[in-house]
Every structure is written in structure tokens, then in C-alpha cells.
Amino acid sequence: MAGKTRAPHKEGCMCVVCKSKRGVGEVIAPLLVEPEIAIAPPPPPPTEVRLDSLLSAAKFELEGQKHRVGVKFEGMVVCYNLAINDSATLGGSTMVKPIK
């Protein structure tokens, strides 16, 4: 019965005999399968919102010019026009396009 040999092991076998044949420095890393995660894109920013819903110091666009929200009182909002460096008072229900 001398000379009886085993069938070859599969590649990547981690048994003691296969590890010694492979050598000390050689390491076989297991294959990792990363799951695919579906991430929904963020919703687009609202096209227009009420002026009184914006926070103080928020920027918005009105009639092609950029403004900044100032003081709010009694349904009115004092705004600063960044294009011409001037203040204006607008109604709180005015629809504006917010700028991030």
C-alpha cells in the first residue's frame, strides 16, 4: 500500500498539507462579493417657494436678480438686492426661487 496518493485538492484549499505546499509567504484572500446598494438620487430642489418660508439670510432669485432675506414682520419681508446693493420690502407670499 505504499505510494497511495490522494486526489488533488481544490485551489484555495486551507488544509494543513495544502498550506505547507503553498509556502509561508503566499496568502490567498477570499473573494468578497459586495452587495449592490441602490441609492435614490436626491429630489430636485423646489422650483419656487413662498418668500416667508425661507430662513433669514437665505439667498433667492427674483426676476433674474439675486436677493438675500432680511427681517420679517407682519407678512412682509425686507430683502437686500445683491445685484444693485439696495433694500426692498416684498410680500411674504411672493414666490421666489431659492439658491443653495
Protein backbone atom coordinates (compact mmCIF):
# COMPACT_ATOMS: atom_id res chain seq x y z
CA MET A 1 0.00 0.00 0.00
CA ALA A 2 2.97 2.27 -0.19
CA GLY A 3 2.62 5.08 -2.72
CA LYS A 4 -1.10 5.61 -2.21
CA THR A 5 -1.84 9.27 -3.02
CA ARG A 6 -4.89 11.45 -2.57
CA ALA A 7 -6.71 13.29 -5.30
CA PRO A 8 -5.57 16.93 -5.65
CA HIS A 9 -7.45 19.45 -3.56
CA LYS A 10 -9.33 22.38 -4.97
CA GLU A 11 -7.46 25.62 -5.46
CA GLY A 12 -7.57 27.73 -2.34
CA CYS A 13 -7.87 24.72 -0.02
CA MET A 14 -6.92 25.71 3.52
CA CYS A 15 -5.96 22.28 4.90
CA VAL A 16 -2.60 21.84 6.66
CA VAL A 17 -1.00 19.88 3.82
CA CYS A 18 -2.01 22.41 1.14
CA LYS A 19 -0.84 25.34 3.27
CA SER A 20 2.63 23.79 3.70
CA LYS A 21 2.93 23.08 -0.04
CA ARG A 22 1.88 26.61 -0.94
CA GLY A 23 4.52 28.26 1.20
CA VAL A 24 4.57 30.66 4.11
CA GLY A 25 4.58 33.97 2.22
CA GLU A 26 1.72 33.18 -0.14
CA VAL A 27 -1.69 34.17 1.13
CA ILE A 28 -4.94 33.52 -0.66
CA ALA A 29 -7.53 36.17 0.02
CA PRO A 30 -11.14 35.05 -0.04
CA LEU A 31 -13.29 36.57 -2.75
CA LEU A 32 -15.63 39.13 -1.31
CA VAL A 33 -18.82 39.95 -3.12
CA GLU A 34 -20.03 43.41 -2.29
CA PRO A 35 -23.79 43.79 -2.37
CA GLU A 36 -25.08 46.45 -4.69
CA ILE A 37 -26.84 49.18 -2.82
CA ALA A 38 -29.35 51.19 -4.78
CA ILE A 39 -29.21 54.82 -3.70
CA ALA A 40 -32.02 57.00 -4.90
CA PRO A 41 -30.90 60.38 -6.21
CA PRO A 42 -31.93 63.32 -4.06
CA PRO A 43 -35.10 65.07 -5.13
CA PRO A 44 -34.57 68.21 -7.18
CA PRO A 45 -34.82 71.47 -5.27
CA PRO A 46 -38.21 73.11 -5.33
CA THR A 47 -38.62 75.42 -8.26
CA GLU A 48 -40.42 78.15 -6.33
CA VAL A 49 -41.33 78.69 -2.68
CA ARG A 50 -43.02 81.42 -0.68
CA LEU A 51 -40.63 84.15 0.41
CA ASP A 52 -41.77 83.98 4.05
CA SER A 53 -40.86 80.26 4.19
CA LEU A 54 -37.14 80.98 3.69
CA LEU A 55 -34.82 81.37 6.66
CA SER A 56 -33.17 84.68 7.47
CA ALA A 57 -30.01 85.32 5.42
CA ALA A 58 -31.13 82.75 2.80
CA LYS A 59 -30.48 83.72 -0.80
CA PHE A 60 -33.07 83.60 -3.55
CA GLU A 61 -33.59 84.71 -7.12
CA LEU A 62 -36.41 87.01 -8.22
CA GLU A 63 -36.79 88.41 -11.74
CA GLY A 64 -33.26 87.30 -12.65
CA GLN A 65 -31.59 89.12 -9.73
CA LYS A 66 -30.16 87.61 -6.54
CA HIS A 67 -31.50 88.76 -3.17
CA ARG A 68 -30.92 87.91 0.48
CA VAL A 69 -33.70 87.58 3.08
CA GLY A 70 -33.56 90.14 5.87
CA VAL A 71 -36.10 90.99 8.57
CA LYS A 72 -39.64 89.52 8.51
CA PHE A 73 -42.60 91.34 10.06
CA GLU A 74 -46.40 91.48 9.59
CA GLY A 75 -46.44 89.41 6.40
CA MET A 76 -43.69 91.49 4.79
CA VAL A 77 -40.02 90.65 4.25
CA VAL A 78 -37.21 93.15 3.94
CA CYS A 79 -34.78 91.87 1.30
CA TYR A 80 -31.38 93.03 0.14
CA ASN A 81 -30.81 93.06 -3.63
CA LEU A 82 -27.28 91.72 -4.20
CA ALA A 83 -27.18 92.96 -7.80
CA ILE A 84 -27.75 96.66 -7.16
CA ASN A 85 -26.89 96.81 -3.42
CA ASP A 86 -30.31 98.10 -2.38
CA SER A 87 -33.02 97.07 0.09
CA ALA A 88 -36.62 96.31 -0.85
CA THR A 89 -39.74 95.22 1.02
CA LEU A 90 -41.67 92.34 -0.53
CA GLY A 91 -44.83 90.50 0.43
CA GLY A 92 -44.31 87.20 2.25
CA SER A 93 -46.48 85.34 -0.28
CA THR A 94 -44.18 86.29 -3.19
CA MET A 95 -42.98 83.15 -4.98
CA VAL A 96 -39.17 83.04 -5.34
CA LYS A 97 -36.54 80.53 -6.46
CA PRO A 98 -34.18 79.55 -3.59
CA ILE A 99 -30.41 79.46 -4.22
CA LYS A 100 -28.19 76.97 -2.42
